[in-house]
Amino acid sequence: MTARVDVSANRARREWGHRAQIARILWGLCYPLFRLSPRPFWAWRVWLLRCFGAEIGRGVHIHPTVRITIPWHLRVDDQAAVGDQVILYALGHIHIGARATVSQNAHLCAGSHDLSDPARALVRSPISIGADAWVCADAFVGPGVRIGAGAVLGARAVAMKDLPAGQTGVGNPMQIKERS
């Protein structure tokens, strides 16, 4: 009988260097300072995110219940808003454009796994939300997806492909429609 070897620990070491692992631990320890801050403490949360390498513009509102995996992979431009219970799974970079809105319970997932690889290697694919775009409540944005400027991803829609500028995406799978 052969012994089963757990490769997950070795894989994690390859995918995350020691500095990144330490930074993630420190972010986990400081996250309660973000999470438990009163709702109107926008500047405090922005300052804390900047301390961890996030690029945050002016007038940004990020709610205290937002879950951010890796803040140094996050860029949020001026006057953007990220609502309650949003998940920013920033294994890859996430860019939220100026005046864009990511509504409550939306999930931006900038990472996946290579399913053709037996070891299921991590794949980090950036997400971009264009200026003046709106990701509505409960919507999901998959790895590598670009939501164009002024586009609207409807409530509970699933974007696994790009949504062109000025268009509306609805449903699962997402159907693209002209904005009315």
N, C-alpha and C. Protein backbone atom coordinates (compact mmCIF):
# COMPACT_ATOMS: atom_id res chain seq x y z
N MET A 1 0.85 -1.18 0.00
CA MET A 1 0.00 0.00 0.00
C MET A 1 0.89 1.23 0.00
N THR A 2 0.59 2.16 -0.87
CA THR A 2 1.41 3.36 -0.95
C THR A 2 0.84 4.45 -0.05
N ALA A 3 1.76 5.26 0.48
CA ALA A 3 1.33 6.37 1.34
C ALA A 3 0.88 7.54 0.47
N ARG A 4 -0.19 8.14 0.88
CA ARG A 4 -0.71 9.30 0.14
C ARG A 4 0.02 10.56 0.62
N VAL A 5 0.52 11.32 -0.31
CA VAL A 5 1.27 12.53 0.01
C VAL A 5 0.37 13.74 -0.22
N ASP A 6 0.31 14.62 0.76
CA ASP A 6 -0.47 15.84 0.63
C ASP A 6 0.39 16.89 -0.05
N VAL A 7 0.06 17.22 -1.28
CA VAL A 7 0.84 18.20 -2.04
C VAL A 7 0.32 19.62 -1.85
N SER A 8 -0.79 19.79 -1.16
CA SER A 8 -1.37 21.13 -1.03
C SER A 8 -0.44 22.09 -0.31
N ALA A 9 0.27 21.64 0.72
CA ALA A 9 1.20 22.52 1.44
C ALA A 9 2.35 22.94 0.53
N ASN A 10 2.90 21.99 -0.25
CA ASN A 10 3.98 22.34 -1.18
C ASN A 10 3.49 23.29 -2.26
N ARG A 11 2.30 23.06 -2.76
CA ARG A 11 1.72 23.92 -3.78
C ARG A 11 1.54 25.34 -3.24
N ALA A 12 1.06 25.45 -2.00
CA ALA A 12 0.86 26.77 -1.40
C ALA A 12 2.19 27.50 -1.28
N ARG A 13 3.26 26.79 -0.93
CA ARG A 13 4.56 27.43 -0.82
C ARG A 13 5.03 27.94 -2.17
N ARG A 14 4.74 27.21 -3.25
CA ARG A 14 5.15 27.63 -4.58
C ARG A 14 4.36 28.86 -5.03
N GLU A 15 3.08 28.90 -4.71
CA GLU A 15 2.22 29.96 -5.20
C GLU A 15 2.31 31.24 -4.36
N TRP A 16 2.67 31.10 -3.10
CA TRP A 16 2.77 32.25 -2.22
C TRP A 16 4.15 32.23 -1.57
N GLY A 17 4.95 33.26 -1.83
CA GLY A 17 6.25 33.38 -1.18
C GLY A 17 6.07 33.70 0.30
N HIS A 18 7.17 33.65 1.03
CA HIS A 18 7.10 33.90 2.48
C HIS A 18 6.59 35.31 2.79
N ARG A 19 7.04 36.30 2.01
CA ARG A 19 6.57 37.67 2.25
C ARG A 19 5.06 37.78 2.05
N ALA A 20 4.56 37.16 1.00
CA ALA A 20 3.12 37.22 0.73
C ALA A 20 2.34 36.49 1.82
N GLN A 21 2.86 35.37 2.28
CA GLN A 21 2.18 34.64 3.36
C GLN A 21 2.13 35.47 4.64
N ILE A 22 3.25 36.13 4.96
CA ILE A 22 3.29 36.97 6.16
C ILE A 22 2.33 38.16 6.01
N ALA A 23 2.33 38.77 4.83
CA ALA A 23 1.42 39.90 4.58
C ALA A 23 -0.03 39.47 4.71
N ARG A 24 -0.36 38.29 4.19
CA ARG A 24 -1.75 37.81 4.30
C ARG A 24 -2.12 37.55 5.76
N ILE A 25 -1.18 37.04 6.54
CA ILE A 25 -1.44 36.83 7.98
C ILE A 25 -1.66 38.17 8.67
N LEU A 26 -0.81 39.16 8.37
CA LEU A 26 -0.97 40.48 8.98
C LEU A 26 -2.30 41.11 8.58
N TRP A 27 -2.69 40.97 7.31
CA TRP A 27 -3.99 41.50 6.88
C TRP A 27 -5.11 40.80 7.65
N GLY A 28 -5.00 39.50 7.82
CA GLY A 28 -6.02 38.77 8.58
C GLY A 28 -6.12 39.26 10.03
N LEU A 29 -4.99 39.61 10.61
CA LEU A 29 -4.99 40.11 11.99
C LEU A 29 -5.57 41.53 12.07
N CYS A 30 -5.34 42.34 11.03
CA CYS A 30 -5.82 43.73 11.02
C CYS A 30 -7.25 43.85 10.47
N TYR A 31 -7.73 42.83 9.79
CA TYR A 31 -9.05 42.90 9.17
C TYR A 31 -10.16 43.28 10.17
N PRO A 32 -10.14 42.79 11.42
CA PRO A 32 -11.19 43.23 12.35
C PRO A 32 -11.23 44.75 12.54
N LEU A 33 -10.09 45.44 12.40
CA LEU A 33 -10.09 46.90 12.48
C LEU A 33 -10.87 47.51 11.33
N PHE A 34 -10.85 46.86 10.19
CA PHE A 34 -11.62 47.26 9.02
C PHE A 34 -13.08 46.90 9.22
N ARG A 35 -13.32 45.64 9.54
CA ARG A 35 -14.67 45.07 9.62
C ARG A 35 -15.52 45.70 10.72
N LEU A 36 -14.92 46.02 11.84
CA LEU A 36 -15.68 46.53 12.99
C LEU A 36 -15.75 48.05 13.04
N SER A 37 -15.20 48.71 12.02
CA SER A 37 -15.26 50.18 12.01
C SER A 37 -16.70 50.63 11.73
N PRO A 38 -17.11 51.74 12.34
CA PRO A 38 -18.46 52.26 12.07
C PRO A 38 -18.65 52.60 10.60
N ARG A 39 -19.85 52.47 10.13
CA ARG A 39 -20.18 52.66 8.72
C ARG A 39 -19.66 53.98 8.13
N PRO A 40 -19.79 55.13 8.81
CA PRO A 40 -19.34 56.38 8.18
C PRO A 40 -17.81 56.59 8.20
N PHE A 41 -17.02 55.63 8.68
CA PHE A 41 -15.57 55.78 8.76
C PHE A 41 -14.90 55.39 7.44
N TRP A 42 -15.36 56.03 6.34
CA TRP A 42 -14.83 55.71 5.02
C TRP A 42 -13.33 55.95 4.95
N ALA A 43 -12.89 57.09 5.45
CA ALA A 43 -11.47 57.46 5.38
C ALA A 43 -10.60 56.48 6.16
N TRP A 44 -11.08 55.99 7.29
CA TRP A 44 -10.32 55.03 8.08
C TRP A 44 -10.08 53.74 7.29
N ARG A 45 -11.13 53.24 6.65
CA ARG A 45 -10.98 51.99 5.90
C ARG A 45 -10.07 52.20 4.68
N VAL A 46 -10.19 53.35 4.03
CA VAL A 46 -9.31 53.66 2.89
C VAL A 46 -7.87 53.72 3.37
N TRP A 47 -7.63 54.39 4.48
CA TRP A 47 -6.27 54.48 5.03
C TRP A 47 -5.72 53.09 5.34
N LEU A 48 -6.51 52.26 5.97
CA LEU A 48 -6.06 50.90 6.32
C LEU A 48 -5.74 50.09 5.07
N LEU A 49 -6.58 50.18 4.05
CA LEU A 49 -6.31 49.47 2.80
C LEU A 49 -5.03 49.99 2.14
N ARG A 50 -4.83 51.29 2.17
CA ARG A 50 -3.60 51.85 1.61
C ARG A 50 -2.37 51.35 2.36
N CYS A 51 -2.50 51.19 3.67
CA CYS A 51 -1.38 50.65 4.46
C CYS A 51 -0.99 49.25 3.97
N PHE A 52 -1.93 48.53 3.40
CA PHE A 52 -1.67 47.19 2.88
C PHE A 52 -1.49 47.19 1.37
N GLY A 53 -1.19 48.34 0.79
CA GLY A 53 -0.81 48.41 -0.61
C GLY A 53 -1.91 48.64 -1.62
N ALA A 54 -3.15 48.80 -1.18
CA ALA A 54 -4.24 49.07 -2.11
C ALA A 54 -4.08 50.49 -2.66
N GLU A 55 -4.46 50.67 -3.92
CA GLU A 55 -4.47 52.00 -4.53
C GLU A 55 -5.91 52.49 -4.53
N ILE A 56 -6.18 53.49 -3.69
CA ILE A 56 -7.55 53.96 -3.51
C ILE A 56 -7.59 55.45 -3.82
N GLY A 57 -8.54 55.85 -4.68
CA GLY A 57 -8.70 57.25 -5.06
C GLY A 57 -9.43 58.07 -4.01
N ARG A 58 -9.81 59.27 -4.40
CA ARG A 58 -10.52 60.18 -3.50
C ARG A 58 -12.02 59.90 -3.53
N GLY A 59 -12.65 60.15 -2.38
CA GLY A 59 -14.11 60.04 -2.30
C GLY A 59 -14.63 58.63 -2.46
N VAL A 60 -13.82 57.64 -2.18
CA VAL A 60 -14.22 56.23 -2.32
C VAL A 60 -14.97 55.79 -1.07
N HIS A 61 -16.06 55.07 -1.26
CA HIS A 61 -16.83 54.51 -0.14
C HIS A 61 -16.76 52.99 -0.21
N ILE A 62 -16.10 52.41 0.76
CA ILE A 62 -16.02 50.96 0.89
C ILE A 62 -16.65 50.60 2.22
N HIS A 63 -17.69 49.81 2.17
CA HIS A 63 -18.44 49.47 3.38
C HIS A 63 -17.64 48.52 4.27
N PRO A 64 -17.91 48.55 5.58
CA PRO A 64 -17.12 47.74 6.51
C PRO A 64 -17.33 46.23 6.36
N THR A 65 -18.41 45.81 5.74
CA THR A 65 -18.67 44.36 5.61
C THR A 65 -18.07 43.76 4.35
N VAL A 66 -17.33 44.57 3.56
CA VAL A 66 -16.67 44.06 2.35
C VAL A 66 -15.56 43.10 2.78
N ARG A 67 -15.47 41.98 2.06
CA ARG A 67 -14.39 41.00 2.31
C ARG A 67 -13.36 41.12 1.19
N ILE A 68 -12.13 41.43 1.56
CA ILE A 68 -11.05 41.62 0.60
C ILE A 68 -9.96 40.61 0.91
N THR A 69 -9.67 39.75 -0.04
CA THR A 69 -8.69 38.70 0.19
C THR A 69 -7.27 39.26 0.24
N ILE A 70 -6.87 40.01 -0.78
CA ILE A 70 -5.50 40.54 -0.85
C ILE A 70 -5.60 42.02 -1.25
N PRO A 71 -5.51 42.93 -0.27
CA PRO A 71 -5.71 44.35 -0.58
C PRO A 71 -4.67 44.93 -1.53
N TRP A 72 -3.46 44.41 -1.56
CA TRP A 72 -2.44 44.97 -2.46
C TRP A 72 -2.69 44.62 -3.92
N HIS A 73 -3.71 43.84 -4.20
CA HIS A 73 -4.14 43.57 -5.57
C HIS A 73 -5.36 44.41 -5.95
N LEU A 74 -5.69 45.40 -5.14
CA LEU A 74 -6.91 46.17 -5.35
C LEU A 74 -6.58 47.61 -5.75
N ARG A 75 -7.27 48.09 -6.79
CA ARG A 75 -7.19 49.50 -7.19
C ARG A 75 -8.62 50.00 -7.38
N VAL A 76 -8.96 51.08 -6.67
CA VAL A 76 -10.29 51.67 -6.75
C VAL A 76 -10.10 53.15 -7.07
N ASP A 77 -10.68 53.59 -8.19
CA ASP A 77 -10.52 54.98 -8.62
C ASP A 77 -11.52 55.91 -7.92
N ASP A 78 -11.35 57.21 -8.14
CA ASP A 78 -12.12 58.26 -7.46
C ASP A 78 -13.62 58.02 -7.50
N GLN A 79 -14.26 58.28 -6.37
CA GLN A 79 -15.71 58.30 -6.18
C GLN A 79 -16.41 56.97 -6.49
N ALA A 80 -15.68 55.89 -6.46
CA ALA A 80 -16.31 54.57 -6.63
C ALA A 80 -16.91 54.12 -5.29
N ALA A 81 -17.83 53.18 -5.36
CA ALA A 81 -18.48 52.67 -4.15
C ALA A 81 -18.53 51.14 -4.20
N VAL A 82 -18.25 50.54 -3.05
CA VAL A 82 -18.31 49.08 -2.90
C VAL A 82 -19.25 48.80 -1.73
N GLY A 83 -20.39 48.16 -2.02
CA GLY A 83 -21.47 48.00 -1.05
C GLY A 83 -21.27 46.89 -0.03
N ASP A 84 -22.27 46.78 0.83
CA ASP A 84 -22.26 45.79 1.91
C ASP A 84 -22.13 44.36 1.40
N GLN A 85 -21.36 43.57 2.11
CA GLN A 85 -21.22 42.13 1.89
C GLN A 85 -20.60 41.77 0.54
N VAL A 86 -19.96 42.72 -0.13
CA VAL A 86 -19.28 42.43 -1.39
C VAL A 86 -18.05 41.59 -1.10
N ILE A 87 -17.76 40.63 -1.96
CA ILE A 87 -16.55 39.82 -1.85
C ILE A 87 -15.62 40.22 -2.99
N LEU A 88 -14.45 40.71 -2.62
CA LEU A 88 -13.41 41.03 -3.59
C LEU A 88 -12.32 39.97 -3.42
N TYR A 89 -12.48 38.88 -4.13
CA TYR A 89 -11.55 37.75 -4.03
C TYR A 89 -10.38 38.05 -4.96
N ALA A 90 -9.46 38.88 -4.45
CA ALA A 90 -8.41 39.48 -5.25
C ALA A 90 -7.14 38.63 -5.29
N LEU A 91 -7.27 37.41 -5.76
CA LEU A 91 -6.06 36.62 -5.98
C LEU A 91 -5.27 37.23 -7.14
N GLY A 92 -5.98 37.68 -8.17
CA GLY A 92 -5.42 38.49 -9.23
C GLY A 92 -5.83 39.93 -8.96
N HIS A 93 -5.38 40.84 -9.79
CA HIS A 93 -5.69 42.25 -9.57
C HIS A 93 -7.15 42.57 -9.91
N ILE A 94 -7.73 43.45 -9.11
CA ILE A 94 -9.08 43.96 -9.34
C ILE A 94 -8.99 45.47 -9.45
N HIS A 95 -9.52 46.01 -10.55
CA HIS A 95 -9.55 47.45 -10.75
C HIS A 95 -11.01 47.88 -10.87
N ILE A 96 -11.41 48.82 -10.03
CA ILE A 96 -12.76 49.38 -10.07
C ILE A 96 -12.61 50.84 -10.49
N GLY A 97 -13.20 51.19 -11.63
CA GLY A 97 -13.04 52.51 -12.23
C GLY A 97 -13.76 53.61 -11.50
N ALA A 98 -13.47 54.84 -11.91
CA ALA A 98 -14.05 56.03 -11.30
C ALA A 98 -15.58 56.01 -11.39
N ARG A 99 -16.21 56.34 -10.29
CA ARG A 99 -17.67 56.46 -10.17
C ARG A 99 -18.40 55.14 -10.40
N ALA A 100 -17.68 54.04 -10.45
CA ALA A 100 -18.33 52.73 -10.60
C ALA A 100 -18.94 52.31 -9.26
N THR A 101 -19.96 51.48 -9.36
CA THR A 101 -20.63 50.97 -8.16
C THR A 101 -20.64 49.45 -8.20
N VAL A 102 -20.23 48.84 -7.10
CA VAL A 102 -20.35 47.40 -6.92
C VAL A 102 -21.34 47.23 -5.77
N SER A 103 -22.54 46.77 -6.10
CA SER A 103 -23.63 46.72 -5.12
C SER A 103 -23.52 45.53 -4.18
N GLN A 104 -24.38 45.55 -3.17
CA GLN A 104 -24.35 44.58 -2.08
C GLN A 104 -24.38 43.13 -2.58
N ASN A 105 -23.60 42.32 -1.90
CA ASN A 105 -23.51 40.87 -2.12
C ASN A 105 -22.92 40.47 -3.48
N ALA A 106 -22.38 41.42 -4.23
CA ALA A 106 -21.71 41.05 -5.48
C ALA A 106 -20.41 40.32 -5.15
N HIS A 107 -19.95 39.53 -6.08
CA HIS A 107 -18.73 38.73 -5.88
C HIS A 107 -17.83 38.91 -7.09
N LEU A 108 -16.65 39.48 -6.88
CA LEU A 108 -15.65 39.62 -7.93
C LEU A 108 -14.55 38.62 -7.64
N CYS A 109 -14.40 37.63 -8.50
CA CYS A 109 -13.50 36.49 -8.26
C CYS A 109 -12.35 36.52 -9.26
N ALA A 110 -11.18 37.01 -8.84
CA ALA A 110 -10.03 37.17 -9.73
C ALA A 110 -9.05 36.01 -9.60
N GLY A 111 -9.56 34.82 -9.39
CA GLY A 111 -8.69 33.66 -9.31
C GLY A 111 -9.47 32.39 -9.55
N SER A 112 -8.77 31.41 -10.06
CA SER A 112 -9.37 30.10 -10.32
C SER A 112 -8.25 29.06 -10.29
N HIS A 113 -8.52 27.91 -10.85
CA HIS A 113 -7.53 26.85 -10.92
C HIS A 113 -7.46 26.30 -12.33
N ASP A 114 -6.29 25.85 -12.72
CA ASP A 114 -6.09 25.24 -14.02
C ASP A 114 -6.61 23.81 -13.95
N LEU A 115 -7.78 23.59 -14.51
CA LEU A 115 -8.41 22.28 -14.40
C LEU A 115 -7.73 21.23 -15.27
N SER A 116 -6.89 21.66 -16.21
CA SER A 116 -6.15 20.70 -17.03
C SER A 116 -4.89 20.21 -16.32
N ASP A 117 -4.52 20.86 -15.23
CA ASP A 117 -3.35 20.49 -14.45
C ASP A 117 -3.79 19.56 -13.31
N PRO A 118 -3.20 18.36 -13.19
CA PRO A 118 -3.58 17.46 -12.10
C PRO A 118 -3.38 18.09 -10.71
N ALA A 119 -2.43 19.03 -10.60
CA ALA A 119 -2.19 19.69 -9.31
C ALA A 119 -3.14 20.88 -9.10
N ARG A 120 -3.98 21.19 -10.10
CA ARG A 120 -4.94 22.30 -10.02
C ARG A 120 -4.25 23.61 -9.65
N ALA A 121 -3.22 23.96 -10.39
CA ALA A 121 -2.44 25.17 -10.12
C ALA A 121 -3.33 26.41 -10.12
N LEU A 122 -2.98 27.34 -9.26
CA LEU A 122 -3.72 28.59 -9.15
C LEU A 122 -3.51 29.44 -10.39
N VAL A 123 -4.59 30.02 -10.88
CA VAL A 123 -4.55 30.95 -12.00
C VAL A 123 -5.12 32.27 -11.50
N ARG A 124 -4.32 33.33 -11.61
CA ARG A 124 -4.74 34.66 -11.16
C ARG A 124 -5.06 35.50 -12.38
N SER A 125 -6.32 35.82 -12.56
CA SER A 125 -6.76 36.57 -13.74
C SER A 125 -7.40 37.88 -13.30
N PRO A 126 -6.91 39.01 -13.81
CA PRO A 126 -7.41 40.31 -13.36
C PRO A 126 -8.84 40.59 -13.80
N ILE A 127 -9.51 41.39 -12.99
CA ILE A 127 -10.87 41.86 -13.28
C ILE A 127 -10.81 43.37 -13.40
N SER A 128 -11.55 43.91 -14.36
CA SER A 128 -11.62 45.35 -14.54
C SER A 128 -13.08 45.78 -14.64
N ILE A 129 -13.45 46.72 -13.79
CA ILE A 129 -14.79 47.32 -13.82
C ILE A 129 -14.59 48.75 -14.32
N GLY A 130 -15.16 49.09 -15.47
CA GLY A 130 -14.94 50.39 -16.09
C GLY A 130 -15.58 51.54 -15.33
N ALA A 131 -15.15 52.74 -15.69
CA ALA A 131 -15.71 53.96 -15.11
C ALA A 131 -17.21 54.01 -15.34
N ASP A 132 -17.95 54.45 -14.33
CA ASP A 132 -19.40 54.63 -14.38
C ASP A 132 -20.17 53.33 -14.60
N ALA A 133 -19.53 52.19 -14.44
CA ALA A 133 -20.22 50.90 -14.57
C ALA A 133 -20.93 50.58 -13.26
N TRP A 134 -21.87 49.65 -13.36
CA TRP A 134 -22.62 49.23 -12.18
C TRP A 134 -22.71 47.72 -12.17
N VAL A 135 -22.16 47.11 -11.13
CA VAL A 135 -22.32 45.68 -10.88
C VAL A 135 -23.42 45.59 -9.83
N CYS A 136 -24.60 45.11 -10.24
CA CYS A 136 -25.78 45.13 -9.38
C CYS A 136 -25.73 44.04 -8.31
N ALA A 137 -26.71 44.07 -7.43
CA ALA A 137 -26.77 43.18 -6.28
C ALA A 137 -26.67 41.71 -6.67
N ASP A 138 -25.86 40.98 -5.92
CA ASP A 138 -25.70 39.53 -6.04
C ASP A 138 -25.07 39.08 -7.35
N ALA A 139 -24.54 39.99 -8.15
CA ALA A 139 -23.93 39.60 -9.42
C ALA A 139 -22.58 38.95 -9.17
N PHE A 140 -22.14 38.12 -10.10
CA PHE A 140 -20.85 37.44 -10.03
C PHE A 140 -20.02 37.83 -11.26
N VAL A 141 -18.78 38.25 -11.00
CA VAL A 141 -17.85 38.57 -12.08
C VAL A 141 -16.70 37.58 -11.98
N GLY A 142 -16.53 36.78 -13.03
CA GLY A 142 -15.52 35.73 -13.02
C GLY A 142 -14.12 36.22 -13.36
N PRO A 143 -13.14 35.33 -13.23
CA PRO A 143 -11.75 35.68 -13.49
C PRO A 143 -11.53 36.16 -14.91
N GLY A 144 -10.73 37.21 -15.05
CA GLY A 144 -10.34 37.72 -16.35
C GLY A 144 -11.39 38.53 -17.07
N VAL A 145 -12.50 38.84 -16.42
CA VAL A 145 -13.62 39.54 -17.08
C VAL A 145 -13.43 41.04 -16.97
N ARG A 146 -13.81 41.72 -18.06
CA ARG A 146 -13.82 43.19 -18.10
C ARG A 146 -15.25 43.66 -18.27
N ILE A 147 -15.67 44.53 -17.37
CA ILE A 147 -16.97 45.18 -17.48
C ILE A 147 -16.66 46.58 -18.01
N GLY A 148 -17.15 46.89 -19.19
CA GLY A 148 -16.82 48.14 -19.86
C GLY A 148 -17.39 49.37 -19.18
N ALA A 149 -16.87 50.52 -19.56
CA ALA A 149 -17.32 51.81 -19.01
C ALA A 149 -18.82 51.98 -19.26
N GLY A 150 -19.53 52.37 -18.21
CA GLY A 150 -20.96 52.63 -18.34
C GLY A 150 -21.83 51.40 -18.49
N ALA A 151 -21.26 50.22 -18.43
CA ALA A 151 -22.05 48.98 -18.55
C ALA A 151 -22.76 48.68 -17.23
N VAL A 152 -23.83 47.89 -17.33
CA VAL A 152 -24.58 47.46 -16.15
C VAL A 152 -24.66 45.94 -16.17
N LEU A 153 -24.17 45.31 -15.11
CA LEU A 153 -24.33 43.87 -14.93
C LEU A 153 -25.49 43.71 -13.97
N GLY A 154 -26.60 43.19 -14.47
CA GLY A 154 -27.85 43.13 -13.71
C GLY A 154 -27.78 42.27 -12.46
N ALA A 155 -28.78 42.44 -11.61
CA ALA A 155 -28.86 41.69 -10.36
C ALA A 155 -28.82 40.19 -10.62
N ARG A 156 -27.98 39.50 -9.87
CA ARG A 156 -27.79 38.05 -9.93
C ARG A 156 -27.26 37.53 -11.25
N ALA A 157 -26.79 38.41 -12.11
CA ALA A 157 -26.21 37.98 -13.38
C ALA A 157 -24.83 37.38 -13.13
N VAL A 158 -24.38 36.52 -14.03
CA VAL A 158 -23.07 35.88 -13.94
C VAL A 158 -22.28 36.24 -15.19
N ALA A 159 -21.21 37.02 -14.99
CA ALA A 159 -20.37 37.44 -16.11
C ALA A 159 -19.11 36.58 -16.14
N MET A 160 -19.07 35.65 -17.09
CA MET A 160 -17.88 34.82 -17.29
C MET A 160 -17.18 35.22 -18.58
N LYS A 161 -17.69 36.26 -19.24
CA LYS A 161 -17.07 36.84 -20.42
C LYS A 161 -17.22 38.35 -20.31
N ASP A 162 -16.47 39.07 -21.13
CA ASP A 162 -16.49 40.53 -21.07
C ASP A 162 -17.87 41.10 -21.40
N LEU A 163 -18.18 42.21 -20.74
CA LEU A 163 -19.40 42.96 -21.00
C LEU A 163 -18.97 44.30 -21.62
N PRO A 164 -19.28 44.52 -22.90
CA PRO A 164 -18.80 45.73 -23.57
C PRO A 164 -19.34 47.02 -22.93
N ALA A 165 -18.61 48.09 -23.16
CA ALA A 165 -18.99 49.41 -22.65
C ALA A 165 -20.40 49.77 -23.09
N GLY A 166 -21.16 50.36 -22.16
CA GLY A 166 -22.49 50.85 -22.46
C GLY A 166 -23.56 49.80 -22.65
N GLN A 167 -23.25 48.54 -22.41
CA GLN A 167 -24.22 47.45 -22.59
C GLN A 167 -24.74 46.97 -21.24
N THR A 168 -25.79 46.17 -21.26
CA THR A 168 -26.35 45.58 -20.06
C THR A 168 -26.22 44.06 -20.17
N GLY A 169 -25.75 43.44 -19.10
CA GLY A 169 -25.66 41.98 -19.04
C GLY A 169 -26.63 41.46 -18.00
N VAL A 170 -27.45 40.47 -18.40
CA VAL A 170 -28.44 39.91 -17.48
C VAL A 170 -28.41 38.39 -17.56
N GLY A 171 -28.78 37.75 -16.46
CA GLY A 171 -28.99 36.32 -16.46
C GLY A 171 -27.75 35.47 -16.27
N ASN A 172 -28.01 34.16 -16.28
CA ASN A 172 -26.98 33.14 -16.16
C ASN A 172 -27.33 32.00 -17.10
N PRO A 173 -26.61 31.82 -18.20
CA PRO A 173 -25.43 32.60 -18.60
C PRO A 173 -25.85 34.00 -19.04
N MET A 174 -24.89 34.92 -18.92
CA MET A 174 -25.16 36.31 -19.21
C MET A 174 -25.53 36.53 -20.66
N GLN A 175 -26.60 37.28 -20.86
CA GLN A 175 -27.02 37.71 -22.19
C GLN A 175 -26.79 39.22 -22.25
N ILE A 176 -26.20 39.68 -23.34
CA ILE A 176 -25.88 41.09 -23.50
C ILE A 176 -26.98 41.78 -24.27
N LYS A 177 -27.45 42.90 -23.72
CA LYS A 177 -28.53 43.67 -24.34
C LYS A 177 -28.12 45.13 -24.43
N GLU A 178 -28.71 45.84 -25.37
CA GLU A 178 -28.49 47.28 -25.48
C GLU A 178 -29.10 47.96 -24.27
N ARG A 179 -28.40 48.97 -23.74
CA ARG A 179 -28.98 49.75 -22.63
C ARG A 179 -30.08 50.61 -23.16
N SER A 180 -31.19 50.66 -22.45
CA SER A 180 -32.32 51.49 -22.89
C SER A 180 -32.34 52.82 -22.20
